[in-house]
Structure formats: structure tokens, C-alpha cells
């Protein structure tokens, strides 16, 4: 289970890229792609940097001004969805 103290990074089969035409961020993995919102792209970029979940939540909370509890819940939900697809390594 992913929690605030977990460290997450992208699995070897996944990578963050930008679409050449639109500039939108995409998470690419074998035979699939996932267009990302700005906040989802921030989370995935933080996974590339192997940051703790709590640090990701802190950054998004500071940038958005939204309540930390809401941000943490959404981040954990998004990371859980990536983990379910086998796109994360959780330590």
C-alpha cells in the first residue's frame, strides 16, 4: 500500500514524454499512452526523481493552495492507479 512515507518511482517500462504536436505530457508504457493533466504530470515527474509521496503532496499543496488532506487523497489515488497498472516501483 502506498502511504505518505513511501518513495515512488516509475517502473522501467514507463516514461514521461511530451507530445511533439501539442506539447501535452504523456506517460508512455508498452503499447499504451496516458495523457496527463498538469498536476498528474507533476506527480509523474516527481516519480522520475524518486521523491517521497509526502514531498509530492507538499509541493502540490503549496502550488494550489488547496487543503493538504484533499491533495494527499488525490495523489494517493492517482499513484494507486499507476501502481495497479504496474507503472510504479514503491519502496
C-alpha atoms as a PDB file:
ATOM      1  CA  UNK A   1       0.000   0.000   0.000  1.00  0.00           C
ATOM      2  CA  UNK A   2       1.267   3.460  -0.854  1.00  0.00           C
ATOM      3  CA  UNK A   3       1.409   5.905   2.024  1.00  0.00           C
ATOM      4  CA  UNK A   4       2.857   9.364   2.707  1.00  0.00           C
ATOM      5  CA  UNK A   5       6.244   7.920   3.705  1.00  0.00           C
ATOM      6  CA  UNK A   6       6.514   5.689   0.625  1.00  0.00           C
ATOM      7  CA  UNK A   7       9.033   6.523  -2.070  1.00  0.00           C
ATOM      8  CA  UNK A   8       7.757   6.008  -5.586  1.00  0.00           C
ATOM      9  CA  UNK A   9       9.471   5.905  -8.945  1.00  0.00           C
ATOM     10  CA  UNK A  10       8.403   4.959 -12.416  1.00  0.00           C
ATOM     11  CA  UNK A  11       8.817   1.372 -13.456  1.00  0.00           C
ATOM     12  CA  UNK A  12      11.436   0.709 -16.111  1.00  0.00           C
ATOM     13  CA  UNK A  13       8.738   0.176 -18.738  1.00  0.00           C
ATOM     14  CA  UNK A  14       7.221   3.666 -18.249  1.00  0.00           C
ATOM     15  CA  UNK A  15       8.492   7.102 -19.234  1.00  0.00           C
ATOM     16  CA  UNK A  16       7.260  10.660 -19.220  1.00  0.00           C
ATOM     17  CA  UNK A  17       7.281  12.475 -22.572  1.00  0.00           C
ATOM     18  CA  UNK A  18       5.625  15.439 -24.268  1.00  0.00           C
ATOM     19  CA  UNK A  19       3.577  15.131 -27.436  1.00  0.00           C
ATOM     20  CA  UNK A  20       5.544  16.741 -30.274  1.00  0.00           C
ATOM     21  CA  UNK A  21       2.499  18.466 -31.755  1.00  0.00           C
ATOM     22  CA  UNK A  22       0.516  19.572 -28.718  1.00  0.00           C
ATOM     23  CA  UNK A  23       3.201  19.752 -26.036  1.00  0.00           C
ATOM     24  CA  UNK A  24       0.898  17.866 -23.643  1.00  0.00           C
ATOM     25  CA  UNK A  25       2.567  15.453 -21.218  1.00  0.00           C
ATOM     26  CA  UNK A  26       2.079  11.723 -21.752  1.00  0.00           C
ATOM     27  CA  UNK A  27       3.018   8.721 -19.694  1.00  0.00           C
ATOM     28  CA  UNK A  28       4.149   6.095 -22.193  1.00  0.00           C
ATOM     29  CA  UNK A  29       4.319   2.398 -21.499  1.00  0.00           C
ATOM     30  CA  UNK A  30       4.258  -0.691 -23.735  1.00  0.00           C
ATOM     31  CA  UNK A  31       1.581  -0.321 -26.401  1.00  0.00           C
ATOM     32  CA  UNK A  32      -0.228   2.364 -24.388  1.00  0.00           C
ATOM     33  CA  UNK A  33      -0.119   6.028 -23.544  1.00  0.00           C
ATOM     34  CA  UNK A  34      -1.864   8.135 -20.948  1.00  0.00           C
ATOM     35  CA  UNK A  35      -2.407  11.872 -21.491  1.00  0.00           C
ATOM     36  CA  UNK A  36      -1.727  13.687 -18.229  1.00  0.00           C
ATOM     37  CA  UNK A  37      -3.163  16.810 -16.647  1.00  0.00           C
ATOM     38  CA  UNK A  38      -0.701  19.366 -15.301  1.00  0.00           C
ATOM     39  CA  UNK A  39      -0.941  18.031 -11.751  1.00  0.00           C
ATOM     40  CA  UNK A  40      -0.680  14.400 -12.917  1.00  0.00           C
ATOM     41  CA  UNK A  41       2.402  15.325 -14.951  1.00  0.00           C
ATOM     42  CA  UNK A  42       3.897  16.958 -11.846  1.00  0.00           C
ATOM     43  CA  UNK A  43       3.303  13.769  -9.860  1.00  0.00           C
ATOM     44  CA  UNK A  44       4.833  11.576 -12.578  1.00  0.00           C
ATOM     45  CA  UNK A  45       7.840  13.924 -12.902  1.00  0.00           C
ATOM     46  CA  UNK A  46       8.345  13.634  -9.141  1.00  0.00           C
ATOM     47  CA  UNK A  47       8.304   9.849  -9.529  1.00  0.00           C
ATOM     48  CA  UNK A  48      11.112  10.166 -12.067  1.00  0.00           C
ATOM     49  CA  UNK A  49      13.046  12.000  -9.327  1.00  0.00           C
ATOM     50  CA  UNK A  50      12.268   9.237  -6.762  1.00  0.00           C
ATOM     51  CA  UNK A  51      10.630  11.618  -4.254  1.00  0.00           C
ATOM     52  CA  UNK A  52       8.682  10.591  -1.175  1.00  0.00           C
ATOM     53  CA  UNK A  53       4.918  10.879  -1.508  1.00  0.00           C
ATOM     54  CA  UNK A  54       4.816  13.435   1.338  1.00  0.00           C
ATOM     55  CA  UNK A  55       7.185  15.725  -0.615  1.00  0.00           C
ATOM     56  CA  UNK A  56       4.994  15.451  -3.721  1.00  0.00           C
ATOM     57  CA  UNK A  57       1.926  16.347  -1.659  1.00  0.00           C
ATOM     58  CA  UNK A  58       3.769  19.290  -0.065  1.00  0.00           C
ATOM     59  CA  UNK A  59       4.734  20.686  -3.487  1.00  0.00           C
ATOM     60  CA  UNK A  60       1.232  20.372  -4.923  1.00  0.00           C
ATOM     61  CA  UNK A  61      -0.356  21.850  -1.794  1.00  0.00           C
ATOM     62  CA  UNK A  62       1.969  24.863  -1.930  1.00  0.00           C
ATOM     63  CA  UNK A  63       1.281  25.373  -5.642  1.00  0.00           C
ATOM     64  CA  UNK A  64      -2.504  25.002  -5.454  1.00  0.00           C
ATOM     65  CA  UNK A  65      -3.484  26.382  -2.071  1.00  0.00           C
ATOM     66  CA  UNK A  66      -5.965  23.516  -1.713  1.00  0.00           C
ATOM     67  CA  UNK A  67      -6.317  21.673   1.621  1.00  0.00           C
ATOM     68  CA  UNK A  68      -3.457  19.217   2.174  1.00  0.00           C
ATOM     69  CA  UNK A  69      -5.832  16.370   3.057  1.00  0.00           C
ATOM     70  CA  UNK A  70      -7.598  16.698  -0.299  1.00  0.00           C
ATOM     71  CA  UNK A  71      -4.340  16.836  -2.248  1.00  0.00           C
ATOM     72  CA  UNK A  72      -2.928  13.842  -0.353  1.00  0.00           C
ATOM     73  CA  UNK A  73      -6.058  11.797  -1.035  1.00  0.00           C
ATOM     74  CA  UNK A  74      -5.950  12.596  -4.760  1.00  0.00           C
ATOM     75  CA  UNK A  75      -2.208  11.937  -5.039  1.00  0.00           C
ATOM     76  CA  UNK A  76      -2.533   8.581  -3.279  1.00  0.00           C
ATOM     77  CA  UNK A  77      -5.465   7.649  -5.512  1.00  0.00           C
ATOM     78  CA  UNK A  78      -3.550   8.554  -8.688  1.00  0.00           C
ATOM     79  CA  UNK A  79      -0.410   6.721  -7.537  1.00  0.00           C
ATOM     80  CA  UNK A  80      -2.550   3.702  -6.640  1.00  0.00           C
ATOM     81  CA  UNK A  81      -3.967   3.665 -10.172  1.00  0.00           C
ATOM     82  CA  UNK A  82      -0.451   3.804 -11.651  1.00  0.00           C
ATOM     83  CA  UNK A  83       0.676   1.046  -9.288  1.00  0.00           C
ATOM     84  CA  UNK A  84      -2.311  -1.115 -10.308  1.00  0.00           C
ATOM     85  CA  UNK A  85      -1.083  -0.831 -13.919  1.00  0.00           C
ATOM     86  CA  UNK A  86       2.433  -1.872 -12.860  1.00  0.00           C
ATOM     87  CA  UNK A  87       3.886   1.537 -13.679  1.00  0.00           C
ATOM     88  CA  UNK A  88       5.464   2.269 -10.282  1.00  0.00           C
ATOM     89  CA  UNK A  89       8.082   0.835  -8.005  1.00  0.00           C
ATOM     90  CA  UNK A  90       7.153   1.538  -4.386  1.00  0.00           C
ATOM     91  CA  UNK A  91       9.716   1.389  -1.586  1.00  0.00           C
END
